[in-house]
Structures are given as C-alpha cells and as structure tokens.
Amino acid sequence: MNEINQNSELEELKRRLGPPDKEQIRLLLRVAPEQRLRTMLEMQEVILNSWHTRLRKAHPELSDLDLCRLMFKRLQQNG
C-alpha cells in the first residue's frame, strides 16, 4: 500500500473515531500494561469467534480450511 493511501485511510479513521476522550485515556493509563494486553487479546478472541460464527452460518458449505481462508481474506480487507 502506498503512503498516500495509508495517509488517507488514517485520516478517514481519525474522522470516524472523532477526538480522543482524555478521561478514557487517563483511565486506561492507570491499568497495568499486562492487563491492557490481556483485555485486548480477550476482545480479539470474541470478535474473531463472532466473525467465524457469522461466516459459518452464511457459508455452511465451506470446509474448515476454506472458512479459515475466507476469514483471513476478510481480515486483510478490513484491517
């Protein structure tokens, strides 16, 4: 991906997210780094499981391997 696309995607993400919530940042910084990482990994697991379930319902004909490939393809598209 070239630098122009990366910059425009970053600007679009910033626009969608809005300004940072300083109180939320202050609270997050009080949490130990290990806990922040653990929470992030738990959230990632929940999201991936929900994607897997949704894709399995939409594509029951796919093998596990093909479903995994589809998940990776979607992850590449959505970041």
PDB file of N, CA and C in Angstrom:
ATOM      1  N   MET A   1       0.859  -1.168   0.000  1.00  0.00           N
ATOM      2  CA  MET A   1       0.000   0.000   0.000  1.00  0.00           C
ATOM      3  C   MET A   1       0.903   1.227   0.000  1.00  0.00           C
ATOM      4  N   ASN A   2       0.582   2.206  -0.835  1.00  0.00           N
ATOM      5  CA  ASN A   2       1.456   3.363  -0.883  1.00  0.00           C
ATOM      6  C   ASN A   2       1.137   4.355   0.221  1.00  0.00           C
ATOM      7  N   GLU A   3       2.060   5.304   0.391  1.00  0.00           N
ATOM      8  CA  GLU A   3       1.959   6.245   1.510  1.00  0.00           C
ATOM      9  C   GLU A   3       0.710   7.119   1.422  1.00  0.00           C
ATOM     10  N   ILE A   4       0.316   7.508   0.215  1.00  0.00           N
ATOM     11  CA  ILE A   4      -0.877   8.353   0.056  1.00  0.00           C
ATOM     12  C   ILE A   4      -2.120   7.612   0.533  1.00  0.00           C
ATOM     13  N   ASN A   5      -2.269   6.350   0.142  1.00  0.00           N
ATOM     14  CA  ASN A   5      -3.420   5.563   0.589  1.00  0.00           C
ATOM     15  C   ASN A   5      -3.410   5.380   2.097  1.00  0.00           C
ATOM     16  N   GLN A   6      -2.232   5.120   2.662  1.00  0.00           N
ATOM     17  CA  GLN A   6      -2.137   4.948   4.112  1.00  0.00           C
ATOM     18  C   GLN A   6      -2.558   6.223   4.831  1.00  0.00           C
ATOM     19  N   ASN A   7      -2.091   7.371   4.331  1.00  0.00           N
ATOM     20  CA  ASN A   7      -2.446   8.641   4.967  1.00  0.00           C
ATOM     21  C   ASN A   7      -3.934   8.921   4.859  1.00  0.00           C
ATOM     22  N   SER A   8      -4.528   8.665   3.697  1.00  0.00           N
ATOM     23  CA  SER A   8      -5.960   8.934   3.546  1.00  0.00           C
ATOM     24  C   SER A   8      -6.782   7.970   4.400  1.00  0.00           C
ATOM     25  N   GLU A   9      -6.350   6.722   4.513  1.00  0.00           N
ATOM     26  CA  GLU A   9      -7.051   5.770   5.379  1.00  0.00           C
ATOM     27  C   GLU A   9      -6.928   6.173   6.842  1.00  0.00           C
ATOM     28  N   LEU A  10      -5.755   6.654   7.226  1.00  0.00           N
ATOM     29  CA  LEU A  10      -5.557   7.106   8.604  1.00  0.00           C
ATOM     30  C   LEU A  10      -6.444   8.313   8.902  1.00  0.00           C
ATOM     31  N   GLU A  11      -6.509   9.250   7.973  1.00  0.00           N
ATOM     32  CA  GLU A  11      -7.357  10.430   8.165  1.00  0.00           C
ATOM     33  C   GLU A  11      -8.831  10.036   8.248  1.00  0.00           C
ATOM     34  N   GLU A  12      -9.249   9.089   7.428  1.00  0.00           N
ATOM     35  CA  GLU A  12     -10.641   8.625   7.467  1.00  0.00           C
ATOM     36  C   GLU A  12     -10.942   7.967   8.811  1.00  0.00           C
ATOM     37  N   LEU A  13     -10.015   7.168   9.309  1.00  0.00           N
ATOM     38  CA  LEU A  13     -10.201   6.524  10.610  1.00  0.00           C
ATOM     39  C   LEU A  13     -10.291   7.573  11.716  1.00  0.00           C
ATOM     40  N   LYS A  14      -9.412   8.564  11.679  1.00  0.00           N
ATOM     41  CA  LYS A  14      -9.460   9.642  12.679  1.00  0.00           C
ATOM     42  C   LYS A  14     -10.798  10.373  12.623  1.00  0.00           C
ATOM     43  N   ARG A  15     -11.291  10.624  11.417  1.00  0.00           N
ATOM     44  CA  ARG A  15     -12.565  11.326  11.257  1.00  0.00           C
ATOM     45  C   ARG A  15     -13.700  10.504  11.851  1.00  0.00           C
ATOM     46  N   ARG A  16     -13.696   9.186  11.578  1.00  0.00           N
ATOM     47  CA  ARG A  16     -14.770   8.324  12.083  1.00  0.00           C
ATOM     48  C   ARG A  16     -14.726   8.187  13.598  1.00  0.00           C
ATOM     49  N   LEU A  17     -13.533   8.136  14.159  1.00  0.00           N
ATOM     50  CA  LEU A  17     -13.399   7.950  15.604  1.00  0.00           C
ATOM     51  C   LEU A  17     -13.676   9.228  16.386  1.00  0.00           C
ATOM     52  N   GLY A  18     -13.426  10.367  15.777  1.00  0.00           N
ATOM     53  CA  GLY A  18     -13.620  11.633  16.476  1.00  0.00           C
ATOM     54  C   GLY A  18     -12.439  11.938  17.384  1.00  0.00           C
ATOM     55  N   PRO A  19     -12.554  13.016  18.154  1.00  0.00           N
ATOM     56  CA  PRO A  19     -11.432  13.411  19.014  1.00  0.00           C
ATOM     57  C   PRO A  19     -11.223  12.403  20.145  1.00  0.00           C
ATOM     58  N   PRO A  20      -9.976  12.301  20.629  1.00  0.00           N
ATOM     59  CA  PRO A  20      -9.706  11.358  21.720  1.00  0.00           C
ATOM     60  C   PRO A  20     -10.430  11.772  22.995  1.00  0.00           C
ATOM     61  N   ASP A  21     -10.848  10.791  23.744  1.00  0.00           N
ATOM     62  CA  ASP A  21     -11.503  11.019  25.025  1.00  0.00           C
ATOM     63  C   ASP A  21     -10.413  11.016  26.102  1.00  0.00           C
ATOM     64  N   LYS A  22     -10.067  12.203  26.582  1.00  0.00           N
ATOM     65  CA  LYS A  22      -8.944  12.332  27.520  1.00  0.00           C
ATOM     66  C   LYS A  22      -9.192  11.589  28.832  1.00  0.00           C
ATOM     67  N   GLU A  23     -10.424  11.559  29.284  1.00  0.00           N
ATOM     68  CA  GLU A  23     -10.742  10.835  30.522  1.00  0.00           C
ATOM     69  C   GLU A  23     -10.543   9.330  30.325  1.00  0.00           C
ATOM     70  N   GLN A  24     -10.976   8.818  29.170  1.00  0.00           N
ATOM     71  CA  GLN A  24     -10.795   7.393  28.872  1.00  0.00           C
ATOM     72  C   GLN A  24      -9.311   7.053  28.800  1.00  0.00           C
ATOM     73  N   ILE A  25      -8.531   7.905  28.163  1.00  0.00           N
ATOM     74  CA  ILE A  25      -7.084   7.673  28.067  1.00  0.00           C
ATOM     75  C   ILE A  25      -6.460   7.677  29.457  1.00  0.00           C
ATOM     76  N   ARG A  26      -6.853   8.636  30.297  1.00  0.00           N
ATOM     77  CA  ARG A  26      -6.326   8.718  31.659  1.00  0.00           C
ATOM     78  C   ARG A  26      -6.628   7.435  32.438  1.00  0.00           C
ATOM     79  N   LEU A  27      -7.861   6.936  32.293  1.00  0.00           N
ATOM     80  CA  LEU A  27      -8.237   5.706  32.994  1.00  0.00           C
ATOM     81  C   LEU A  27      -7.467   4.497  32.467  1.00  0.00           C
ATOM     82  N   LEU A  28      -7.304   4.429  31.149  1.00  0.00           N
ATOM     83  CA  LEU A  28      -6.573   3.299  30.562  1.00  0.00           C
ATOM     84  C   LEU A  28      -5.118   3.277  31.002  1.00  0.00           C
ATOM     85  N   LEU A  29      -4.524   4.453  31.157  1.00  0.00           N
ATOM     86  CA  LEU A  29      -3.121   4.507  31.566  1.00  0.00           C
ATOM     87  C   LEU A  29      -2.917   4.048  33.005  1.00  0.00           C
ATOM     88  N   ARG A  30      -3.978   4.009  33.781  1.00  0.00           N
ATOM     89  CA  ARG A  30      -3.888   3.520  35.161  1.00  0.00           C
ATOM     90  C   ARG A  30      -3.880   1.993  35.220  1.00  0.00           C
ATOM     91  N   VAL A  31      -4.304   1.345  34.143  1.00  0.00           N
ATOM     92  CA  VAL A  31      -4.340  -0.120  34.095  1.00  0.00           C
ATOM     93  C   VAL A  31      -2.943  -0.627  33.720  1.00  0.00           C
ATOM     94  N   ALA A  32      -2.515  -1.675  34.382  1.00  0.00           N
ATOM     95  CA  ALA A  32      -1.194  -2.253  34.101  1.00  0.00           C
ATOM     96  C   ALA A  32      -1.116  -2.710  32.642  1.00  0.00           C
ATOM     97  N   PRO A  33       0.061  -2.555  32.014  1.00  0.00           N
ATOM     98  CA  PRO A  33       0.210  -2.959  30.609  1.00  0.00           C
ATOM     99  C   PRO A  33      -0.195  -4.410  30.358  1.00  0.00           C
ATOM    100  N   GLU A  34       0.129  -5.316  31.305  1.00  0.00           N
ATOM    101  CA  GLU A  34      -0.238  -6.730  31.110  1.00  0.00           C
ATOM    102  C   GLU A  34      -1.748  -6.893  31.033  1.00  0.00           C
ATOM    103  N   GLN A  35      -2.454  -6.144  31.873  1.00  0.00           N
ATOM    104  CA  GLN A  35      -3.917  -6.232  31.882  1.00  0.00           C
ATOM    105  C   GLN A  35      -4.500  -5.647  30.602  1.00  0.00           C
ATOM    106  N   ARG A  36      -3.922  -4.542  30.124  1.00  0.00           N
ATOM    107  CA  ARG A  36      -4.408  -3.957  28.860  1.00  0.00           C
ATOM    108  C   ARG A  36      -4.224  -4.949  27.720  1.00  0.00           C
ATOM    109  N   LEU A  37      -3.058  -5.601  27.683  1.00  0.00           N
ATOM    110  CA  LEU A  37      -2.791  -6.592  26.640  1.00  0.00           C
ATOM    111  C   LEU A  37      -3.736  -7.778  26.769  1.00  0.00           C
ATOM    112  N   ARG A  38      -3.933  -8.265  27.990  1.00  0.00           N
ATOM    113  CA  ARG A  38      -4.832  -9.400  28.221  1.00  0.00           C
ATOM    114  C   ARG A  38      -6.250  -9.058  27.754  1.00  0.00           C
ATOM    115  N   THR A  39      -6.712  -7.865  28.100  1.00  0.00           N
ATOM    116  CA  THR A  39      -8.055  -7.433  27.704  1.00  0.00           C
ATOM    117  C   THR A  39      -8.164  -7.320  26.188  1.00  0.00           C
ATOM    118  N   MET A  40      -7.126  -6.766  25.548  1.00  0.00           N
ATOM    119  CA  MET A  40      -7.140  -6.642  24.096  1.00  0.00           C
ATOM    120  C   MET A  40      -7.212  -8.013  23.427  1.00  0.00           C
ATOM    121  N   LEU A  41      -6.450  -8.974  23.944  1.00  0.00           N
ATOM    122  CA  LEU A  41      -6.469 -10.322  23.369  1.00  0.00           C
ATOM    123  C   LEU A  41      -7.819 -11.007  23.587  1.00  0.00           C
ATOM    124  N   GLU A  42      -8.427 -10.776  24.749  1.00  0.00           N
ATOM    125  CA  GLU A  42      -9.759 -11.338  25.002  1.00  0.00           C
ATOM    126  C   GLU A  42     -10.789 -10.743  24.042  1.00  0.00           C
ATOM    127  N   MET A  43     -10.696  -9.433  23.817  1.00  0.00           N
ATOM    128  CA  MET A  43     -11.629  -8.784  22.885  1.00  0.00           C
ATOM    129  C   MET A  43     -11.418  -9.306  21.467  1.00  0.00           C
ATOM    130  N   GLN A  44     -10.155  -9.505  21.093  1.00  0.00           N
ATOM    131  CA  GLN A  44      -9.852 -10.029  19.771  1.00  0.00           C
ATOM    132  C   GLN A  44     -10.462 -11.418  19.598  1.00  0.00           C
ATOM    133  N   GLU A  45     -10.361 -12.245  20.624  1.00  0.00           N
ATOM    134  CA  GLU A  45     -10.928 -13.595  20.565  1.00  0.00           C
ATOM    135  C   GLU A  45     -12.443 -13.548  20.373  1.00  0.00           C
ATOM    136  N   VAL A  46     -13.107 -12.670  21.109  1.00  0.00           N
ATOM    137  CA  VAL A  46     -14.565 -12.534  20.983  1.00  0.00           C
ATOM    138  C   VAL A  46     -14.938 -12.104  19.566  1.00  0.00           C
ATOM    139  N   ILE A  47     -14.221 -11.136  19.032  1.00  0.00           N
ATOM    140  CA  ILE A  47     -14.522 -10.639  17.685  1.00  0.00           C
ATOM    141  C   ILE A  47     -14.293 -11.730  16.644  1.00  0.00           C
ATOM    142  N   LEU A  48     -13.156 -12.420  16.729  1.00  0.00           N
ATOM    143  CA  LEU A  48     -12.868 -13.474  15.750  1.00  0.00           C
ATOM    144  C   LEU A  48     -13.873 -14.617  15.844  1.00  0.00           C
ATOM    145  N   ASN A  49     -14.261 -14.979  17.057  1.00  0.00           N
ATOM    146  CA  ASN A  49     -15.270 -16.033  17.212  1.00  0.00           C
ATOM    147  C   ASN A  49     -16.606 -15.611  16.617  1.00  0.00           C
ATOM    148  N   SER A  50     -16.967 -14.344  16.795  1.00  0.00           N
ATOM    149  CA  SER A  50     -18.244 -13.893  16.232  1.00  0.00           C
ATOM    150  C   SER A  50     -18.175 -13.861  14.708  1.00  0.00           C
ATOM    151  N   TRP A  51     -17.031 -13.443  14.151  1.00  0.00           N
ATOM    152  CA  TRP A  51     -16.872 -13.477  12.688  1.00  0.00           C
ATOM    153  C   TRP A  51     -16.970 -14.912  12.183  1.00  0.00           C
ATOM    154  N   HIS A  52     -16.292 -15.823  12.875  1.00  0.00           N
ATOM    155  CA  HIS A  52     -16.294 -17.229  12.466  1.00  0.00           C
ATOM    156  C   HIS A  52     -17.719 -17.783  12.474  1.00  0.00           C
ATOM    157  N   THR A  53     -18.458 -17.510  13.536  1.00  0.00           N
ATOM    158  CA  THR A  53     -19.835 -17.997  13.649  1.00  0.00           C
ATOM    159  C   THR A  53     -20.710 -17.424  12.542  1.00  0.00           C
ATOM    160  N   ARG A  54     -20.583 -16.120  12.310  1.00  0.00           N
ATOM    161  CA  ARG A  54     -21.384 -15.472  11.270  1.00  0.00           C
ATOM    162  C   ARG A  54     -21.052 -16.027   9.880  1.00  0.00           C
ATOM    163  N   LEU A  55     -19.759 -16.198   9.599  1.00  0.00           N
ATOM    164  CA  LEU A  55     -19.361 -16.735   8.296  1.00  0.00           C
ATOM    165  C   LEU A  55     -19.784 -18.194   8.139  1.00  0.00           C
ATOM    166  N   ARG A  56     -19.724 -18.968   9.215  1.00  0.00           N
ATOM    167  CA  ARG A  56     -20.141 -20.375   9.146  1.00  0.00           C
ATOM    168  C   ARG A  56     -21.625 -20.463   8.826  1.00  0.00           C
ATOM    169  N   LYS A  57     -22.439 -19.598   9.440  1.00  0.00           N
ATOM    170  CA  LYS A  57     -23.880 -19.592   9.147  1.00  0.00           C
ATOM    171  C   LYS A  57     -24.147 -19.164   7.712  1.00  0.00           C
ATOM    172  N   ALA A  58     -23.364 -18.211   7.219  1.00  0.00           N
ATOM    173  CA  ALA A  58     -23.558 -17.716   5.854  1.00  0.00           C
ATOM    174  C   ALA A  58     -23.024 -18.687   4.807  1.00  0.00           C
ATOM    175  N   HIS A  59     -22.035 -19.501   5.184  1.00  0.00           N
ATOM    176  CA  HIS A  59     -21.384 -20.409   4.226  1.00  0.00           C
ATOM    177  C   HIS A  59     -21.223 -21.810   4.826  1.00  0.00           C
ATOM    178  N   PRO A  60     -22.324 -22.501   5.097  1.00  0.00           N
ATOM    179  CA  PRO A  60     -22.214 -23.835   5.708  1.00  0.00           C
ATOM    180  C   PRO A  60     -21.540 -24.853   4.790  1.00  0.00           C
ATOM    181  N   GLU A  61     -21.487 -24.558   3.504  1.00  0.00           N
ATOM    182  CA  GLU A  61     -20.907 -25.496   2.544  1.00  0.00           C
ATOM    183  C   GLU A  61     -19.378 -25.493   2.562  1.00  0.00           C
ATOM    184  N   LEU A  62     -18.759 -24.473   3.164  1.00  0.00           N
ATOM    185  CA  LEU A  62     -17.303 -24.375   3.145  1.00  0.00           C
ATOM    186  C   LEU A  62     -16.663 -25.347   4.127  1.00  0.00           C
ATOM    187  N   SER A  63     -15.526 -25.886   3.709  1.00  0.00           N
ATOM    188  CA  SER A  63     -14.733 -26.712   4.631  1.00  0.00           C
ATOM    189  C   SER A  63     -14.123 -25.788   5.683  1.00  0.00           C
ATOM    190  N   ASP A  64     -13.605 -26.368   6.752  1.00  0.00           N
ATOM    191  CA  ASP A  64     -12.960 -25.558   7.788  1.00  0.00           C
ATOM    192  C   ASP A  64     -11.797 -24.755   7.207  1.00  0.00           C
ATOM    193  N   LEU A  65     -11.030 -25.385   6.324  1.00  0.00           N
ATOM    194  CA  LEU A  65      -9.895 -24.704   5.708  1.00  0.00           C
ATOM    195  C   LEU A  65     -10.367 -23.533   4.850  1.00  0.00           C
ATOM    196  N   ASP A  66     -11.394 -23.745   4.034  1.00  0.00           N
ATOM    197  CA  ASP A  66     -11.907 -22.666   3.188  1.00  0.00           C
ATOM    198  C   ASP A  66     -12.516 -21.543   4.023  1.00  0.00           C
ATOM    199  N   LEU A  67     -13.156 -21.903   5.122  1.00  0.00           N
ATOM    200  CA  LEU A  67     -13.714 -20.885   6.010  1.00  0.00           C
ATOM    201  C   LEU A  67     -12.587 -20.060   6.633  1.00  0.00           C
ATOM    202  N   CYS A  68     -11.515 -20.725   7.014  1.00  0.00           N
ATOM    203  CA  CYS A  68     -10.351 -20.034   7.565  1.00  0.00           C
ATOM    204  C   CYS A  68      -9.756 -19.081   6.524  1.00  0.00           C
ATOM    205  N   ARG A  69      -9.655 -19.535   5.295  1.00  0.00           N
ATOM    206  CA  ARG A  69      -9.149 -18.675   4.215  1.00  0.00           C
ATOM    207  C   ARG A  69     -10.040 -17.455   4.024  1.00  0.00           C
ATOM    208  N   LEU A  70     -11.348 -17.667   4.078  1.00  0.00           N
ATOM    209  CA  LEU A  70     -12.286 -16.558   3.935  1.00  0.00           C
ATOM    210  C   LEU A  70     -12.121 -15.563   5.083  1.00  0.00           C
ATOM    211  N   MET A  71     -11.932 -16.070   6.295  1.00  0.00           N
ATOM    212  CA  MET A  71     -11.716 -15.177   7.441  1.00  0.00           C
ATOM    213  C   MET A  71     -10.462 -14.339   7.242  1.00  0.00           C
ATOM    214  N   PHE A  72      -9.370 -14.959   6.799  1.00  0.00           N
ATOM    215  CA  PHE A  72      -8.138 -14.207   6.573  1.00  0.00           C
ATOM    216  C   PHE A  72      -8.324 -13.171   5.469  1.00  0.00           C
ATOM    217  N   LYS A  73      -9.059 -13.541   4.442  1.00  0.00           N
ATOM    218  CA  LYS A  73      -9.331 -12.589   3.360  1.00  0.00           C
ATOM    219  C   LYS A  73     -10.096 -11.381   3.902  1.00  0.00           C
ATOM    220  N   ARG A  74     -11.109 -11.627   4.720  1.00  0.00           N
ATOM    221  CA  ARG A  74     -11.893 -10.528   5.309  1.00  0.00           C
ATOM    222  C   ARG A  74     -11.035  -9.683   6.245  1.00  0.00           C
ATOM    223  N   LEU A  75     -10.162 -10.330   6.997  1.00  0.00           N
ATOM    224  CA  LEU A  75      -9.279  -9.581   7.896  1.00  0.00           C
ATOM    225  C   LEU A  75      -8.349  -8.663   7.112  1.00  0.00           C
ATOM    226  N   GLN A  76      -7.846  -9.152   5.983  1.00  0.00           N
ATOM    227  CA  GLN A  76      -6.980  -8.321   5.154  1.00  0.00           C
ATOM    228  C   GLN A  76      -7.748  -7.127   4.602  1.00  0.00           C
ATOM    229  N   GLN A  77      -9.000  -7.336   4.225  1.00  0.00           N
ATOM    230  CA  GLN A  77      -9.809  -6.252   3.670  1.00  0.00           C
ATOM    231  C   GLN A  77     -10.172  -5.221   4.727  1.00  0.00           C
ATOM    232  N   ASN A  78     -10.423  -5.675   5.940  1.00  0.00           N
ATOM    233  CA  ASN A  78     -10.926  -4.787   6.992  1.00  0.00           C
ATOM    234  C   ASN A  78      -9.858  -4.334   7.979  1.00  0.00           C
ATOM    235  N   GLY A  79      -8.656  -4.811   7.814  1.00  0.00           N
ATOM    236  CA  GLY A  79      -7.591  -4.399   8.725  1.00  0.00           C
ATOM    237  C   GLY A  79      -7.702  -5.074  10.014  1.00  0.00           C
TER     238      GLY A  79
END
